[in-house]
Amino acid sequence: MTIHDSLIESIAHRFQIRGMNVMVKLRLKRCGRKQRAIYQIVAIDVRSRREGRDLRKVGLYDPINNQTYLNVPAILYFIEKGAQPTETVYDILKKAEVINLFN
């Protein structure tokens, strides 16, 4: 087991809150300044607000420079565990061909 695997497994306990499963989504979290938005792709509880506490940051999307940085093993881990990407995140993952790795 690598250090990366142990870090991902250490977050897995956050999926359990008081014995019930938490629904997790992969969605965008807005960062940056006015008129210069950058979005973090995060795994987050569906009940949390957009800038709420996330489980894990799994990528970065810069629409102005059209750049995307993805932590593919972490993304695949969360998708394996049942996390659902939002439409925008799904399009980003599809463009980066991450969805093809999972299927």
PDB file of N, CA and C in Angstrom:
ATOM      1  N   MET A   1       0.845  -1.175   0.000  1.00  0.00           N
ATOM      2  CA  MET A   1       0.000   0.000   0.000  1.00  0.00           C
ATOM      3  C   MET A   1       0.893   1.242   0.000  1.00  0.00           C
ATOM      4  N   THR A   2       0.627   2.134  -0.912  1.00  0.00           N
ATOM      5  CA  THR A   2       1.420   3.350  -0.999  1.00  0.00           C
ATOM      6  C   THR A   2       0.886   4.397  -0.031  1.00  0.00           C
ATOM      7  N   ILE A   3       1.655   5.463   0.115  1.00  0.00           N
ATOM      8  CA  ILE A   3       1.221   6.555   0.992  1.00  0.00           C
ATOM      9  C   ILE A   3      -0.055   7.174   0.455  1.00  0.00           C
ATOM     10  N   HIS A   4      -0.135   7.278  -0.876  1.00  0.00           N
ATOM     11  CA  HIS A   4      -1.327   7.870  -1.494  1.00  0.00           C
ATOM     12  C   HIS A   4      -2.570   7.040  -1.172  1.00  0.00           C
ATOM     13  N   ASP A   5      -2.462   5.713  -1.261  1.00  0.00           N
ATOM     14  CA  ASP A   5      -3.596   4.843  -0.949  1.00  0.00           C
ATOM     15  C   ASP A   5      -4.026   4.990   0.507  1.00  0.00           C
ATOM     16  N   SER A   6      -3.057   5.089   1.405  1.00  0.00           N
ATOM     17  CA  SER A   6      -3.414   5.219   2.815  1.00  0.00           C
ATOM     18  C   SER A   6      -4.082   6.565   3.099  1.00  0.00           C
ATOM     19  N   LEU A   7      -3.678   7.619   2.376  1.00  0.00           N
ATOM     20  CA  LEU A   7      -4.334   8.914   2.549  1.00  0.00           C
ATOM     21  C   LEU A   7      -5.781   8.855   2.094  1.00  0.00           C
ATOM     22  N   ILE A   8      -6.013   8.199   0.954  1.00  0.00           N
ATOM     23  CA  ILE A   8      -7.376   8.083   0.445  1.00  0.00           C
ATOM     24  C   ILE A   8      -8.223   7.257   1.405  1.00  0.00           C
ATOM     25  N   GLU A   9      -7.665   6.178   1.932  1.00  0.00           N
ATOM     26  CA  GLU A   9      -8.418   5.340   2.862  1.00  0.00           C
ATOM     27  C   GLU A   9      -8.684   6.059   4.187  1.00  0.00           C
ATOM     28  N   SER A  10      -7.783   6.973   4.559  1.00  0.00           N
ATOM     29  CA  SER A  10      -8.004   7.700   5.809  1.00  0.00           C
ATOM     30  C   SER A  10      -9.189   8.650   5.698  1.00  0.00           C
ATOM     31  N   ILE A  11      -9.530   9.066   4.472  1.00  0.00           N
ATOM     32  CA  ILE A  11     -10.680   9.937   4.281  1.00  0.00           C
ATOM     33  C   ILE A  11     -11.964   9.124   4.222  1.00  0.00           C
ATOM     34  N   ALA A  12     -11.852   7.845   3.958  1.00  0.00           N
ATOM     35  CA  ALA A  12     -13.038   7.016   3.751  1.00  0.00           C
ATOM     36  C   ALA A  12     -13.966   7.031   4.962  1.00  0.00           C
ATOM     37  N   HIS A  13     -13.408   7.225   6.149  1.00  0.00           N
ATOM     38  CA  HIS A  13     -14.263   7.253   7.343  1.00  0.00           C
ATOM     39  C   HIS A  13     -15.212   8.441   7.323  1.00  0.00           C
ATOM     40  N   ARG A  14     -14.920   9.479   6.553  1.00  0.00           N
ATOM     41  CA  ARG A  14     -15.812  10.631   6.475  1.00  0.00           C
ATOM     42  C   ARG A  14     -17.099  10.306   5.723  1.00  0.00           C
ATOM     43  N   PHE A  15     -17.102   9.185   4.984  1.00  0.00           N
ATOM     44  CA  PHE A  15     -18.324   8.775   4.302  1.00  0.00           C
ATOM     45  C   PHE A  15     -19.375   8.319   5.303  1.00  0.00           C
ATOM     46  N   GLN A  16     -18.967   7.958   6.496  1.00  0.00           N
ATOM     47  CA  GLN A  16     -19.886   7.482   7.522  1.00  0.00           C
ATOM     48  C   GLN A  16     -20.111   8.584   8.555  1.00  0.00           C
ATOM     49  N   ILE A  17     -21.332   9.036   8.689  1.00  0.00           N
ATOM     50  CA  ILE A  17     -21.678  10.013   9.723  1.00  0.00           C
ATOM     51  C   ILE A  17     -22.805   9.409  10.562  1.00  0.00           C
ATOM     52  N   ARG A  18     -22.512   9.133  11.812  1.00  0.00           N
ATOM     53  CA  ARG A  18     -23.473   8.525  12.739  1.00  0.00           C
ATOM     54  C   ARG A  18     -24.108   7.266  12.158  1.00  0.00           C
ATOM     55  N   GLY A  19     -23.304   6.448  11.502  1.00  0.00           N
ATOM     56  CA  GLY A  19     -23.785   5.154  11.035  1.00  0.00           C
ATOM     57  C   GLY A  19     -24.562   5.180   9.742  1.00  0.00           C
ATOM     58  N   MET A  20     -24.800   6.350   9.147  1.00  0.00           N
ATOM     59  CA  MET A  20     -25.530   6.351   7.892  1.00  0.00           C
ATOM     60  C   MET A  20     -24.627   6.812   6.753  1.00  0.00           C
ATOM     61  N   ASN A  21     -24.874   6.288   5.585  1.00  0.00           N
ATOM     62  CA  ASN A  21     -24.055   6.648   4.439  1.00  0.00           C
ATOM     63  C   ASN A  21     -24.369   8.071   3.998  1.00  0.00           C
ATOM     64  N   VAL A  22     -23.332   8.774   3.600  1.00  0.00           N
ATOM     65  CA  VAL A  22     -23.470  10.146   3.143  1.00  0.00           C
ATOM     66  C   VAL A  22     -23.389  10.151   1.623  1.00  0.00           C
ATOM     67  N   MET A  23     -24.313  10.861   0.990  1.00  0.00           N
ATOM     68  CA  MET A  23     -24.249  10.977  -0.456  1.00  0.00           C
ATOM     69  C   MET A  23     -23.181  12.009  -0.800  1.00  0.00           C
ATOM     70  N   VAL A  24     -22.289  11.618  -1.693  1.00  0.00           N
ATOM     71  CA  VAL A  24     -21.161  12.463  -2.062  1.00  0.00           C
ATOM     72  C   VAL A  24     -21.266  12.823  -3.532  1.00  0.00           C
ATOM     73  N   LYS A  25     -20.939  14.077  -3.840  1.00  0.00           N
ATOM     74  CA  LYS A  25     -20.897  14.527  -5.220  1.00  0.00           C
ATOM     75  C   LYS A  25     -19.527  15.090  -5.519  1.00  0.00           C
ATOM     76  N   LEU A  26     -19.131  14.984  -6.774  1.00  0.00           N
ATOM     77  CA  LEU A  26     -17.956  15.684  -7.267  1.00  0.00           C
ATOM     78  C   LEU A  26     -18.490  16.948  -7.916  1.00  0.00           C
ATOM     79  N   ARG A  27     -18.147  18.100  -7.354  1.00  0.00           N
ATOM     80  CA  ARG A  27     -18.669  19.340  -7.900  1.00  0.00           C
ATOM     81  C   ARG A  27     -17.643  20.452  -7.800  1.00  0.00           C
ATOM     82  N   LEU A  28     -17.982  21.597  -8.406  1.00  0.00           N
ATOM     83  CA  LEU A  28     -17.072  22.727  -8.456  1.00  0.00           C
ATOM     84  C   LEU A  28     -17.236  23.609  -7.222  1.00  0.00           C
ATOM     85  N   LYS A  29     -16.118  24.124  -6.735  1.00  0.00           N
ATOM     86  CA  LYS A  29     -16.090  25.043  -5.609  1.00  0.00           C
ATOM     87  C   LYS A  29     -15.384  26.305  -6.097  1.00  0.00           C
ATOM     88  N   ARG A  30     -16.087  27.427  -6.053  1.00  0.00           N
ATOM     89  CA  ARG A  30     -15.560  28.663  -6.640  1.00  0.00           C
ATOM     90  C   ARG A  30     -14.467  29.272  -5.765  1.00  0.00           C
ATOM     91  N   CYS A  31     -13.371  29.671  -6.400  1.00  0.00           N
ATOM     92  CA  CYS A  31     -12.260  30.341  -5.735  1.00  0.00           C
ATOM     93  C   CYS A  31     -11.833  31.513  -6.610  1.00  0.00           C
ATOM     94  N   GLY A  32     -10.815  32.208  -6.211  1.00  0.00           N
ATOM     95  CA  GLY A  32     -10.313  33.320  -7.006  1.00  0.00           C
ATOM     96  C   GLY A  32     -10.955  34.624  -6.600  1.00  0.00           C
ATOM     97  N   ARG A  33     -10.795  35.622  -7.455  1.00  0.00           N
ATOM     98  CA  ARG A  33     -11.337  36.933  -7.138  1.00  0.00           C
ATOM     99  C   ARG A  33     -12.441  37.299  -8.119  1.00  0.00           C
ATOM    100  N   LYS A  34     -12.988  38.495  -7.970  1.00  0.00           N
ATOM    101  CA  LYS A  34     -14.050  38.941  -8.856  1.00  0.00           C
ATOM    102  C   LYS A  34     -13.574  38.953 -10.307  1.00  0.00           C
ATOM    103  N   GLN A  35     -14.439  38.511 -11.194  1.00  0.00           N
ATOM    104  CA  GLN A  35     -14.174  38.479 -12.634  1.00  0.00           C
ATOM    105  C   GLN A  35     -12.982  37.600 -12.998  1.00  0.00           C
ATOM    106  N   ARG A  36     -12.494  36.782 -12.071  1.00  0.00           N
ATOM    107  CA  ARG A  36     -11.306  35.958 -12.312  1.00  0.00           C
ATOM    108  C   ARG A  36     -11.480  34.637 -11.553  1.00  0.00           C
ATOM    109  N   ALA A  37     -12.575  33.960 -11.820  1.00  0.00           N
ATOM    110  CA  ALA A  37     -12.923  32.754 -11.064  1.00  0.00           C
ATOM    111  C   ALA A  37     -12.051  31.574 -11.461  1.00  0.00           C
ATOM    112  N   ILE A  38     -11.680  30.803 -10.471  1.00  0.00           N
ATOM    113  CA  ILE A  38     -11.029  29.511 -10.639  1.00  0.00           C
ATOM    114  C   ILE A  38     -11.844  28.541  -9.797  1.00  0.00           C
ATOM    115  N   TYR A  39     -12.031  27.340 -10.276  1.00  0.00           N
ATOM    116  CA  TYR A  39     -12.862  26.372  -9.572  1.00  0.00           C
ATOM    117  C   TYR A  39     -12.036  25.171  -9.139  1.00  0.00           C
ATOM    118  N   GLN A  40     -12.223  24.762  -7.893  1.00  0.00           N
ATOM    119  CA  GLN A  40     -11.647  23.518  -7.413  1.00  0.00           C
ATOM    120  C   GLN A  40     -12.682  22.428  -7.626  1.00  0.00           C
ATOM    121  N   ILE A  41     -12.245  21.280  -8.071  1.00  0.00           N
ATOM    122  CA  ILE A  41     -13.137  20.122  -8.168  1.00  0.00           C
ATOM    123  C   ILE A  41     -12.982  19.364  -6.860  1.00  0.00           C
ATOM    124  N   VAL A  42     -14.085  19.225  -6.133  1.00  0.00           N
ATOM    125  CA  VAL A  42     -14.026  18.649  -4.793  1.00  0.00           C
ATOM    126  C   VAL A  42     -15.050  17.527  -4.647  1.00  0.00           C
ATOM    127  N   ALA A  43     -14.742  16.598  -3.754  1.00  0.00           N
ATOM    128  CA  ALA A  43     -15.712  15.612  -3.301  1.00  0.00           C
ATOM    129  C   ALA A  43     -16.342  16.210  -2.053  1.00  0.00           C
ATOM    130  N   ILE A  44     -17.671  16.345  -2.068  1.00  0.00           N
ATOM    131  CA  ILE A  44     -18.342  17.064  -0.992  1.00  0.00           C
ATOM    132  C   ILE A  44     -19.688  16.414  -0.703  1.00  0.00           C
ATOM    133  N   ASP A  45     -20.130  16.517   0.534  1.00  0.00           N
ATOM    134  CA  ASP A  45     -21.438  16.028   0.946  1.00  0.00           C
ATOM    135  C   ASP A  45     -22.508  16.831   0.216  1.00  0.00           C
ATOM    136  N   VAL A  46     -23.557  16.173  -0.264  1.00  0.00           N
ATOM    137  CA  VAL A  46     -24.590  16.857  -1.045  1.00  0.00           C
ATOM    138  C   VAL A  46     -25.328  17.913  -0.233  1.00  0.00           C
ATOM    139  N   ARG A  47     -25.325  17.786   1.084  1.00  0.00           N
ATOM    140  CA  ARG A  47     -26.040  18.745   1.921  1.00  0.00           C
ATOM    141  C   ARG A  47     -25.235  20.016   2.176  1.00  0.00           C
ATOM    142  N   SER A  48     -23.951  20.019   1.821  1.00  0.00           N
ATOM    143  CA  SER A  48     -23.104  21.184   2.054  1.00  0.00           C
ATOM    144  C   SER A  48     -23.327  22.245   0.994  1.00  0.00           C
ATOM    145  N   ARG A  49     -23.090  23.497   1.366  1.00  0.00           N
ATOM    146  CA  ARG A  49     -23.217  24.563   0.387  1.00  0.00           C
ATOM    147  C   ARG A  49     -21.995  24.586  -0.520  1.00  0.00           C
ATOM    148  N   ARG A  50     -22.006  25.458  -1.526  1.00  0.00           N
ATOM    149  CA  ARG A  50     -20.964  25.456  -2.541  1.00  0.00           C
ATOM    150  C   ARG A  50     -19.581  25.694  -1.954  1.00  0.00           C
ATOM    151  N   GLU A  51     -19.452  26.614  -1.024  1.00  0.00           N
ATOM    152  CA  GLU A  51     -18.154  26.878  -0.408  1.00  0.00           C
ATOM    153  C   GLU A  51     -18.011  26.151   0.931  1.00  0.00           C
ATOM    154  N   GLY A  52     -18.813  25.127   1.152  1.00  0.00           N
ATOM    155  CA  GLY A  52     -18.775  24.389   2.409  1.00  0.00           C
ATOM    156  C   GLY A  52     -17.541  23.512   2.526  1.00  0.00           C
ATOM    157  N   ARG A  53     -17.477  22.798   3.644  1.00  0.00           N
ATOM    158  CA  ARG A  53     -16.334  21.926   3.910  1.00  0.00           C
ATOM    159  C   ARG A  53     -16.369  20.725   2.985  1.00  0.00           C
ATOM    160  N   ASP A  54     -15.266  20.483   2.316  1.00  0.00           N
ATOM    161  CA  ASP A  54     -15.204  19.364   1.380  1.00  0.00           C
ATOM    162  C   ASP A  54     -14.497  18.169   2.012  1.00  0.00           C
ATOM    163  N   LEU A  55     -14.721  16.993   1.426  1.00  0.00           N
ATOM    164  CA  LEU A  55     -14.040  15.789   1.879  1.00  0.00           C
ATOM    165  C   LEU A  55     -12.614  15.748   1.343  1.00  0.00           C
ATOM    166  N   ARG A  56     -12.476  16.153   0.069  1.00  0.00           N
ATOM    167  CA  ARG A  56     -11.153  16.102  -0.568  1.00  0.00           C
ATOM    168  C   ARG A  56     -11.153  16.949  -1.821  1.00  0.00           C
ATOM    169  N   LYS A  57     -10.076  17.655  -2.067  1.00  0.00           N
ATOM    170  CA  LYS A  57      -9.893  18.375  -3.320  1.00  0.00           C
ATOM    171  C   LYS A  57      -9.294  17.391  -4.321  1.00  0.00           C
ATOM    172  N   VAL A  58      -9.949  17.244  -5.461  1.00  0.00           N
ATOM    173  CA  VAL A  58      -9.485  16.248  -6.431  1.00  0.00           C
ATOM    174  C   VAL A  58      -9.086  16.864  -7.772  1.00  0.00           C
ATOM    175  N   GLY A  59      -9.168  18.172  -7.895  1.00  0.00           N
ATOM    176  CA  GLY A  59      -8.764  18.790  -9.152  1.00  0.00           C
ATOM    177  C   GLY A  59      -8.946  20.290  -9.134  1.00  0.00           C
ATOM    178  N   LEU A  60      -8.546  20.906 -10.244  1.00  0.00           N
ATOM    179  CA  LEU A  60      -8.640  22.347 -10.403  1.00  0.00           C
ATOM    180  C   LEU A  60      -9.042  22.633 -11.838  1.00  0.00           C
ATOM    181  N   TYR A  61      -9.947  23.590 -12.022  1.00  0.00           N
ATOM    182  CA  TYR A  61     -10.401  23.972 -13.352  1.00  0.00           C
ATOM    183  C   TYR A  61     -10.327  25.484 -13.483  1.00  0.00           C
ATOM    184  N   ASP A  62      -9.583  25.943 -14.488  1.00  0.00           N
ATOM    185  CA  ASP A  62      -9.435  27.369 -14.765  1.00  0.00           C
ATOM    186  C   ASP A  62     -10.082  27.660 -16.113  1.00  0.00           C
ATOM    187  N   PRO A  63     -11.312  28.178 -16.120  1.00  0.00           N
ATOM    188  CA  PRO A  63     -12.004  28.402 -17.389  1.00  0.00           C
ATOM    189  C   PRO A  63     -11.413  29.536 -18.217  1.00  0.00           C
ATOM    190  N   ILE A  64     -10.723  30.474 -17.587  1.00  0.00           N
ATOM    191  CA  ILE A  64     -10.164  31.606 -18.321  1.00  0.00           C
ATOM    192  C   ILE A  64      -8.972  31.156 -19.166  1.00  0.00           C
ATOM    193  N   ASN A  65      -8.075  30.383 -18.569  1.00  0.00           N
ATOM    194  CA  ASN A  65      -6.910  29.870 -19.300  1.00  0.00           C
ATOM    195  C   ASN A  65      -7.178  28.503 -19.923  1.00  0.00           C
ATOM    196  N   ASN A  66      -8.380  27.980 -19.692  1.00  0.00           N
ATOM    197  CA  ASN A  66      -8.789  26.675 -20.203  1.00  0.00           C
ATOM    198  C   ASN A  66      -7.803  25.573 -19.789  1.00  0.00           C
ATOM    199  N   GLN A  67      -7.486  25.531 -18.495  1.00  0.00           N
ATOM    200  CA  GLN A  67      -6.577  24.525 -17.960  1.00  0.00           C
ATOM    201  C   GLN A  67      -7.304  23.675 -16.931  1.00  0.00           C
ATOM    202  N   THR A  68      -6.947  22.403 -16.900  1.00  0.00           N
ATOM    203  CA  THR A  68      -7.543  21.471 -15.951  1.00  0.00           C
ATOM    204  C   THR A  68      -6.439  20.626 -15.331  1.00  0.00           C
ATOM    205  N   TYR A  69      -6.452  20.510 -14.013  1.00  0.00           N
ATOM    206  CA  TYR A  69      -5.526  19.641 -13.293  1.00  0.00           C
ATOM    207  C   TYR A  69      -6.368  18.657 -12.493  1.00  0.00           C
ATOM    208  N   LEU A  70      -6.133  17.356 -12.690  1.00  0.00           N
ATOM    209  CA  LEU A  70      -6.961  16.336 -12.051  1.00  0.00           C
ATOM    210  C   LEU A  70      -6.101  15.338 -11.286  1.00  0.00           C
ATOM    211  N   ASN A  71      -6.585  14.917 -10.122  1.00  0.00           N
ATOM    212  CA  ASN A  71      -5.990  13.825  -9.361  1.00  0.00           C
ATOM    213  C   ASN A  71      -6.812  12.580  -9.715  1.00  0.00           C
ATOM    214  N   VAL A  72      -6.417  11.913 -10.781  1.00  0.00           N
ATOM    215  CA  VAL A  72      -7.217  10.826 -11.354  1.00  0.00           C
ATOM    216  C   VAL A  72      -7.443   9.678 -10.373  1.00  0.00           C
ATOM    217  N   PRO A  73      -6.423   9.184  -9.635  1.00  0.00           N
ATOM    218  CA  PRO A  73      -6.702   8.089  -8.693  1.00  0.00           C
ATOM    219  C   PRO A  73      -7.751   8.452  -7.644  1.00  0.00           C
ATOM    220  N   ALA A  74      -7.712   9.678  -7.132  1.00  0.00           N
ATOM    221  CA  ALA A  74      -8.696  10.101  -6.130  1.00  0.00           C
ATOM    222  C   ALA A  74     -10.086  10.203  -6.749  1.00  0.00           C
ATOM    223  N   ILE A  75     -10.175  10.718  -7.967  1.00  0.00           N
ATOM    224  CA  ILE A  75     -11.464  10.824  -8.654  1.00  0.00           C
ATOM    225  C   ILE A  75     -12.058   9.444  -8.877  1.00  0.00           C
ATOM    226  N   LEU A  76     -11.249   8.508  -9.356  1.00  0.00           N
ATOM    227  CA  LEU A  76     -11.739   7.153  -9.601  1.00  0.00           C
ATOM    228  C   LEU A  76     -12.150   6.470  -8.301  1.00  0.00           C
ATOM    229  N   TYR A  77     -11.434   6.757  -7.214  1.00  0.00           N
ATOM    230  CA  TYR A  77     -11.789   6.182  -5.920  1.00  0.00           C
ATOM    231  C   TYR A  77     -13.182   6.639  -5.497  1.00  0.00           C
ATOM    232  N   PHE A  78     -13.439   7.944  -5.589  1.00  0.00           N
ATOM    233  CA  PHE A  78     -14.736   8.462  -5.164  1.00  0.00           C
ATOM    234  C   PHE A  78     -15.856   7.971  -6.081  1.00  0.00           C
ATOM    235  N   ILE A  79     -15.591   7.873  -7.380  1.00  0.00           N
ATOM    236  CA  ILE A  79     -16.611   7.362  -8.297  1.00  0.00           C
ATOM    237  C   ILE A  79     -16.897   5.893  -7.998  1.00  0.00           C
ATOM    238  N   GLU A  80     -15.859   5.121  -7.680  1.00  0.00           N
ATOM    239  CA  GLU A  80     -16.036   3.717  -7.293  1.00  0.00           C
ATOM    240  C   GLU A  80     -16.916   3.582  -6.062  1.00  0.00           C
ATOM    241  N   LYS A  81     -16.758   4.506  -5.115  1.00  0.00           N
ATOM    242  CA  LYS A  81     -17.520   4.461  -3.870  1.00  0.00           C
ATOM    243  C   LYS A  81     -18.935   5.006  -4.030  1.00  0.00           C
ATOM    244  N   GLY A  82     -19.287   5.491  -5.228  1.00  0.00           N
ATOM    245  CA  GLY A  82     -20.652   5.924  -5.479  1.00  0.00           C
ATOM    246  C   GLY A  82     -20.861   7.418  -5.605  1.00  0.00           C
ATOM    247  N   ALA A  83     -19.789   8.200  -5.622  1.00  0.00           N
ATOM    248  CA  ALA A  83     -19.942   9.645  -5.778  1.00  0.00           C
ATOM    249  C   ALA A  83     -20.426   9.965  -7.189  1.00  0.00           C
ATOM    250  N   GLN A  84     -21.342  10.907  -7.285  1.00  0.00           N
ATOM    251  CA  GLN A  84     -21.903  11.305  -8.570  1.00  0.00           C
ATOM    252  C   GLN A  84     -21.348  12.661  -8.975  1.00  0.00           C
ATOM    253  N   PRO A  85     -20.744  12.764 -10.170  1.00  0.00           N
ATOM    254  CA  PRO A  85     -20.290  14.082 -10.623  1.00  0.00           C
ATOM    255  C   PRO A  85     -21.466  14.918 -11.121  1.00  0.00           C
ATOM    256  N   THR A  86     -21.391  16.234 -10.936  1.00  0.00           N
ATOM    257  CA  THR A  86     -22.399  17.116 -11.495  1.00  0.00           C
ATOM    258  C   THR A  86     -22.200  17.148 -13.016  1.00  0.00           C
ATOM    259  N   GLU A  87     -23.143  17.765 -13.724  1.00  0.00           N
ATOM    260  CA  GLU A  87     -23.060  17.793 -15.181  1.00  0.00           C
ATOM    261  C   GLU A  87     -21.779  18.465 -15.655  1.00  0.00           C
ATOM    262  N   THR A  88     -21.425  19.583 -15.054  1.00  0.00           N
ATOM    263  CA  THR A  88     -20.224  20.312 -15.467  1.00  0.00           C
ATOM    264  C   THR A  88     -18.972  19.500 -15.192  1.00  0.00           C
ATOM    265  N   VAL A  89     -18.884  18.894 -14.017  1.00  0.00           N
ATOM    266  CA  VAL A  89     -17.720  18.079 -13.682  1.00  0.00           C
ATOM    267  C   VAL A  89     -17.663  16.855 -14.591  1.00  0.00           C
ATOM    268  N   TYR A  90     -18.817  16.278 -14.898  1.00  0.00           N
ATOM    269  CA  TYR A  90     -18.854  15.131 -15.815  1.00  0.00           C
ATOM    270  C   TYR A  90     -18.284  15.524 -17.180  1.00  0.00           C
ATOM    271  N   ASP A  91     -18.658  16.707 -17.674  1.00  0.00           N
ATOM    272  CA  ASP A  91     -18.133  17.169 -18.960  1.00  0.00           C
ATOM    273  C   ASP A  91     -16.623  17.383 -18.908  1.00  0.00           C
ATOM    274  N   ILE A  92     -16.125  17.919 -17.786  1.00  0.00           N
ATOM    275  CA  ILE A  92     -14.684  18.117 -17.622  1.00  0.00           C
ATOM    276  C   ILE A  92     -13.965  16.779 -17.610  1.00  0.00           C
ATOM    277  N   LEU A  93     -14.505  15.802 -16.883  1.00  0.00           N
ATOM    278  CA  LEU A  93     -13.885  14.476 -16.803  1.00  0.00           C
ATOM    279  C   LEU A  93     -13.945  13.758 -18.151  1.00  0.00           C
ATOM    280  N   LYS A  94     -15.042  13.955 -18.867  1.00  0.00           N
ATOM    281  CA  LYS A  94     -15.184  13.331 -20.174  1.00  0.00           C
ATOM    282  C   LYS A  94     -14.180  13.915 -21.167  1.00  0.00           C
ATOM    283  N   LYS A  95     -13.997  15.222 -21.111  1.00  0.00           N
ATOM    284  CA  LYS A  95     -13.039  15.893 -21.993  1.00  0.00           C
ATOM    285  C   LYS A  95     -11.612  15.435 -21.701  1.00  0.00           C
ATOM    286  N   ALA A  96     -11.309  15.177 -20.432  1.00  0.00           N
ATOM    287  CA  ALA A  96      -9.986  14.694 -20.036  1.00  0.00           C
ATOM    288  C   ALA A  96      -9.855  13.185 -20.159  1.00  0.00           C
ATOM    289  N   GLU A  97     -10.928  12.515 -20.615  1.00  0.00           N
ATOM    290  CA  GLU A  97     -10.962  11.055 -20.830  1.00  0.00           C
ATOM    291  C   GLU A  97     -10.772  10.254 -19.543  1.00  0.00           C
ATOM    292  N   VAL A  98     -11.190  10.818 -18.421  1.00  0.00           N
ATOM    293  CA  VAL A  98     -11.143  10.100 -17.148  1.00  0.00           C
ATOM    294  C   VAL A  98     -12.306   9.129 -17.054  1.00  0.00           C
ATOM    295  N   ILE A  99     -13.458   9.521 -17.587  1.00  0.00           N
ATOM    296  CA  ILE A  99     -14.650   8.660 -17.556  1.00  0.00           C
ATOM    297  C   ILE A  99     -14.383   7.362 -18.317  1.00  0.00           C
ATOM    298  N   ASN A 100     -13.605   7.431 -19.383  1.00  0.00           N
ATOM    299  CA  ASN A 100     -13.276   6.227 -20.158  1.00  0.00           C
ATOM    300  C   ASN A 100     -12.452   5.246 -19.329  1.00  0.00           C
ATOM    301  N   LEU A 101     -11.620   5.757 -18.399  1.00  0.00           N
ATOM    302  CA  LEU A 101     -10.829   4.871 -17.552  1.00  0.00           C
ATOM    303  C   LEU A 101     -11.715   4.074 -16.600  1.00  0.00           C
ATOM    304  N   PHE A 102     -12.793   4.706 -16.156  1.00  0.00           N
ATOM    305  CA  PHE A 102     -13.661   4.038 -15.199  1.00  0.00           C
ATOM    306  C   PHE A 102     -14.520   2.981 -15.850  1.00  0.00           C
ATOM    307  N   ASN A 103     -15.025   3.254 -17.053  1.00  0.00           N
ATOM    308  CA  ASN A 103     -15.913   2.302 -17.748  1.00  0.00           C
ATOM    309  C   ASN A 103     -15.173   1.169 -18.382  1.00  0.00           C
TER     310      ASN A 103
END
